[in-house]
């Protein structure tokens, strides 16, 4: 039986762990070849690639700091050399940490804007010519509830994710009609072994935190949709309602 992404190639940034890993594995399960990007987690990224290969799909792990233009150019060059095409870009790489606004340093501000926002701009800019030549493509940016809700202890993070939401909307217009650009905004996502976020569970209508599979399913939908662009799919168990 044909799979939804047979013959397609996906590049997932920050794919060695957590949500990125879940996305890479889900896209591969639907037939996509996957470029597993990582910055420092080489062992974990290679494990993901081997797991994909064992399932019968193609995969390669490529190191690159996607906040740096030269490394992004190298990443996309190696990916195109390995696969010959690119159909799906998932801009997942990101960082999240608290800091009091009064104590935020230039380094913290610049660093989180670089990895959460600049990386998405650079990767989209590198992917667009490849996808345009093919006549189609999908770009999916991972944003956050923090891009829509003000969290004072995470001002730098919220600003970076709000920027990513607007980048998504701008690119949807700039790259149409060949390339569809959308975003997935997760709520609190937890993985096995992590202590449950009881406050979140109590507050949200679905009374649970999300899983990597929840986000990967949303990404798969946007990777296969043909009449959706410029949208932010909030996957949060209803947290934005309360």
Protein backbone atom coordinates (compact mmCIF):
# COMPACT_ATOMS: atom_id res chain seq x y z
CA UNK A 1 0.00 0.00 0.00
CA UNK A 2 1.35 3.43 -0.97
CA UNK A 3 2.33 5.74 1.88
CA UNK A 4 1.47 9.44 2.00
CA UNK A 5 5.06 10.65 1.56
CA UNK A 6 6.50 7.97 -0.73
CA UNK A 7 9.28 9.47 -2.88
CA UNK A 8 9.50 12.66 -0.85
CA UNK A 9 12.40 13.98 1.22
CA UNK A 10 12.11 15.87 4.51
CA UNK A 11 14.75 17.86 6.37
CA UNK A 12 14.05 18.23 10.10
CA UNK A 13 16.25 20.60 12.08
CA UNK A 14 17.06 19.69 15.67
CA UNK A 15 15.89 16.15 14.98
CA UNK A 16 18.08 14.22 17.41
CA UNK A 17 15.78 14.43 20.43
CA UNK A 18 12.28 15.05 21.74
CA UNK A 19 9.83 16.69 19.31
CA UNK A 20 12.28 16.73 16.40
CA UNK A 21 12.92 13.02 16.80
CA UNK A 22 9.18 12.30 16.92
CA UNK A 23 8.63 14.29 13.73
CA UNK A 24 11.50 12.64 11.86
CA UNK A 25 10.27 9.15 12.75
CA UNK A 26 6.66 9.95 11.83
CA UNK A 27 7.54 11.38 8.42
CA UNK A 28 9.75 8.38 7.73
CA UNK A 29 6.91 6.04 8.72
CA UNK A 30 4.90 7.59 5.88
CA UNK A 31 7.64 6.90 3.33
CA UNK A 32 9.78 10.05 3.39
CA UNK A 33 13.54 10.00 3.26
CA UNK A 34 14.76 12.13 6.17
CA UNK A 35 17.71 14.43 6.77
CA UNK A 36 18.25 14.34 10.53
CA UNK A 37 19.91 17.64 11.43
CA UNK A 38 21.67 18.14 14.75
CA UNK A 39 24.01 20.67 16.33
CA UNK A 40 25.73 18.80 19.17
CA UNK A 41 23.82 15.54 19.69
CA UNK A 42 25.67 13.40 17.15
CA UNK A 43 25.10 10.05 18.84
CA UNK A 44 21.37 10.62 19.27
CA UNK A 45 20.99 11.88 15.69
CA UNK A 46 22.77 8.86 14.26
CA UNK A 47 20.53 6.62 16.37
CA UNK A 48 17.46 8.28 14.86
CA UNK A 49 18.88 7.83 11.35
CA UNK A 50 19.59 4.14 11.99
CA UNK A 51 16.08 3.64 13.35
CA UNK A 52 14.63 5.16 10.19
CA UNK A 53 16.87 3.02 8.00
CA UNK A 54 15.83 -0.10 9.91
CA UNK A 55 12.20 0.71 9.09
CA UNK A 56 13.01 0.64 5.38
CA UNK A 57 13.23 4.39 4.72
CA UNK A 58 16.32 6.39 3.83
CA UNK A 59 17.98 8.72 6.33
CA UNK A 60 21.19 10.62 6.92
CA UNK A 61 22.37 12.61 9.96
CA UNK A 62 24.03 15.94 9.15
CA UNK A 63 25.61 18.30 11.67
CA UNK A 64 24.99 22.03 11.31
CA UNK A 65 24.31 25.03 13.51
CA UNK A 66 21.28 26.33 11.63
CA UNK A 67 21.65 29.82 13.09
CA UNK A 68 24.76 30.31 10.91
CA UNK A 69 24.38 30.98 7.17
CA UNK A 70 27.52 29.13 6.10
CA UNK A 71 26.52 26.01 8.01
CA UNK A 72 22.99 26.15 6.61
CA UNK A 73 24.41 26.34 3.07
CA UNK A 74 26.56 23.28 3.79
CA UNK A 75 23.61 21.39 5.31
CA UNK A 76 21.37 21.94 2.29
CA UNK A 77 24.17 21.17 -0.14
CA UNK A 78 24.88 17.85 1.57
CA UNK A 79 21.17 17.05 1.77
CA UNK A 80 20.64 17.70 -1.93
CA UNK A 81 23.73 15.67 -2.77
CA UNK A 82 22.41 12.73 -0.73
CA UNK A 83 18.78 12.82 -1.90
CA UNK A 84 18.61 14.98 -5.01
CA UNK A 85 15.48 16.81 -3.88
CA UNK A 86 13.72 18.42 -0.91
CA UNK A 87 9.96 18.38 -0.42
CA UNK A 88 9.47 19.19 3.27
CA UNK A 89 11.40 21.46 5.62
CA UNK A 90 10.52 21.29 9.30
CA UNK A 91 12.13 24.15 11.23
CA UNK A 92 12.14 22.55 14.66
CA UNK A 93 15.49 23.59 16.17
CA UNK A 94 15.03 25.86 19.17
CA UNK A 95 15.85 26.70 22.77
CA UNK A 96 13.73 27.47 25.82
CA UNK A 97 14.89 28.79 29.18
CA UNK A 98 13.61 31.32 31.73
CA UNK A 99 15.28 34.61 32.55
CA UNK A 100 14.06 37.67 34.44
CA UNK A 101 13.58 40.54 32.02
CA UNK A 102 15.68 42.91 34.11
CA UNK A 103 18.55 40.43 34.05
CA UNK A 104 18.45 39.37 30.39
CA UNK A 105 21.87 39.67 28.78
CA UNK A 106 22.66 40.59 25.20
CA UNK A 107 24.05 37.10 24.72
CA UNK A 108 20.84 35.44 25.93
CA UNK A 109 18.65 37.69 23.80
CA UNK A 110 20.74 37.31 20.65
CA UNK A 111 21.23 33.60 21.17
CA UNK A 112 17.56 32.70 21.45
CA UNK A 113 16.57 34.98 18.57
CA UNK A 114 19.26 33.33 16.45
CA UNK A 115 18.31 29.72 17.11
CA UNK A 116 14.51 30.18 17.32
CA UNK A 117 13.95 32.73 14.55
CA UNK A 118 17.01 33.46 12.42
CA UNK A 119 17.50 29.73 11.82
CA UNK A 120 14.01 29.46 10.35
CA UNK A 121 14.66 32.40 8.04
CA UNK A 122 18.00 30.97 6.88
CA UNK A 123 16.67 27.45 6.31
CA UNK A 124 13.57 28.66 4.48
CA UNK A 125 15.73 30.86 2.28
CA UNK A 126 17.95 27.87 1.44
CA UNK A 127 15.02 25.52 0.82
CA UNK A 128 12.94 27.83 -1.35
CA UNK A 129 15.01 27.66 -4.59
CA UNK A 130 15.10 23.85 -4.44
CA UNK A 131 11.35 23.60 -3.88
CA UNK A 132 10.59 26.23 -6.54
CA UNK A 133 12.55 24.25 -9.11
CA UNK A 134 10.47 21.19 -8.27
CA UNK A 135 7.26 23.20 -8.48
CA UNK A 136 6.13 22.31 -4.95
CA UNK A 137 7.22 22.20 -1.33
CA UNK A 138 6.12 22.46 2.28
CA UNK A 139 7.76 24.51 5.03
CA UNK A 140 6.55 23.93 8.60
CA UNK A 141 7.84 26.15 11.40
CA UNK A 142 7.62 25.05 15.01
CA UNK A 143 6.40 28.03 17.01
CA UNK A 144 4.77 27.97 20.45
CA UNK A 145 1.93 29.16 22.61
CA UNK A 146 4.61 31.55 23.85
CA UNK A 147 4.34 33.38 20.55
CA UNK A 148 0.73 34.24 21.40
CA UNK A 149 0.64 34.44 25.21
CA UNK A 150 2.85 36.78 27.30
CA UNK A 151 5.08 34.85 29.71
CA UNK A 152 7.10 37.48 31.63
CA UNK A 153 9.84 35.05 32.65
CA UNK A 154 10.29 34.05 29.01
CA UNK A 155 10.11 37.43 27.24
CA UNK A 156 13.02 36.62 24.94
CA UNK A 157 11.47 33.26 24.03
CA UNK A 158 8.00 34.72 23.45
CA UNK A 159 9.39 37.42 21.17
CA UNK A 160 11.33 34.84 19.14
CA UNK A 161 8.24 32.69 18.67
CA UNK A 162 5.99 35.65 17.84
CA UNK A 163 8.54 36.50 15.16
CA UNK A 164 8.35 32.94 13.86
CA UNK A 165 4.56 33.20 13.56
CA UNK A 166 4.84 36.37 11.49
CA UNK A 167 7.66 34.84 9.44
CA UNK A 168 5.31 31.96 8.65
CA UNK A 169 2.61 34.31 7.45
CA UNK A 170 4.99 36.42 5.36
CA UNK A 171 6.60 33.39 3.73
CA UNK A 172 3.20 31.93 2.92
CA UNK A 173 2.58 34.94 0.72
CA UNK A 174 6.13 35.38 -0.56
CA UNK A 175 6.61 31.76 -1.65
CA UNK A 176 3.13 30.94 -2.97
CA UNK A 177 1.75 29.21 -4.93
CA UNK A 178 4.46 26.54 -5.20
CA UNK A 179 5.42 26.43 -1.52
CA UNK A 180 2.94 26.17 1.35
CA UNK A 181 4.18 27.55 4.66
CA UNK A 182 2.52 26.82 7.99
CA UNK A 183 3.30 26.53 11.68
CA UNK A 184 2.62 24.16 14.55
CA UNK A 185 2.41 25.82 17.98
CA UNK A 186 2.75 23.22 20.75
CA UNK A 187 1.55 23.61 24.29
CA UNK A 188 3.41 21.76 27.04
CA UNK A 189 4.85 18.57 25.58
CA UNK A 190 6.30 15.93 27.89
CA UNK A 191 8.24 12.74 27.36
CA UNK A 192 8.55 9.51 29.39
CA UNK A 193 10.49 9.97 32.61
CA UNK A 194 9.67 13.67 33.00
CA UNK A 195 7.67 14.76 36.06
CA UNK A 196 4.10 15.63 35.05
CA UNK A 197 3.19 19.31 34.80
CA UNK A 198 0.28 19.07 37.23
CA UNK A 199 -0.75 22.72 36.89
CA UNK A 200 -1.02 22.44 33.11
CA UNK A 201 -2.94 19.16 33.38
CA UNK A 202 -5.39 20.66 35.87
CA UNK A 203 -5.94 23.81 33.82
CA UNK A 204 -6.40 22.62 30.23
CA UNK A 205 -9.74 21.24 29.00
CA UNK A 206 -8.23 17.90 27.92
CA UNK A 207 -6.49 17.46 31.29
CA UNK A 208 -3.20 16.18 29.94
CA UNK A 209 0.05 17.40 28.49
CA UNK A 210 0.92 16.68 24.89
CA UNK A 211 3.22 14.05 23.42
CA UNK A 212 5.74 14.06 20.63
CA UNK A 213 3.26 12.03 18.62
CA UNK A 214 0.67 14.81 18.94
CA UNK A 215 3.03 17.30 17.32
CA UNK A 216 4.30 14.86 14.72
CA UNK A 217 0.71 14.17 13.65
CA UNK A 218 0.07 17.87 13.14
CA UNK A 219 3.27 18.23 11.11
CA UNK A 220 2.26 15.27 8.94
CA UNK A 221 -1.12 16.87 8.25
CA UNK A 222 0.52 20.12 7.12
CA UNK A 223 3.09 18.20 5.07
CA UNK A 224 0.26 16.59 3.09
CA UNK A 225 -2.37 19.36 2.98
CA UNK A 226 -2.86 21.08 -0.38
CA UNK A 227 -5.15 24.01 0.50
CA UNK A 228 -3.70 25.33 3.77
CA UNK A 229 -1.05 28.04 4.01
CA UNK A 230 -0.10 30.83 6.40
CA UNK A 231 -1.78 29.10 9.33
CA UNK A 232 -0.76 28.40 12.92
CA UNK A 233 -2.04 25.04 14.14
CA UNK A 234 -2.22 25.24 17.94
CA UNK A 235 -1.73 21.82 19.52
CA UNK A 236 -2.15 22.47 23.22
CA UNK A 237 -5.08 20.45 24.64
CA UNK A 238 -7.08 23.69 24.79
CA UNK A 239 -4.62 25.75 26.87
CA UNK A 240 -5.13 28.83 24.69
CA UNK A 241 -8.80 28.84 25.70
CA UNK A 242 -8.19 29.38 29.41
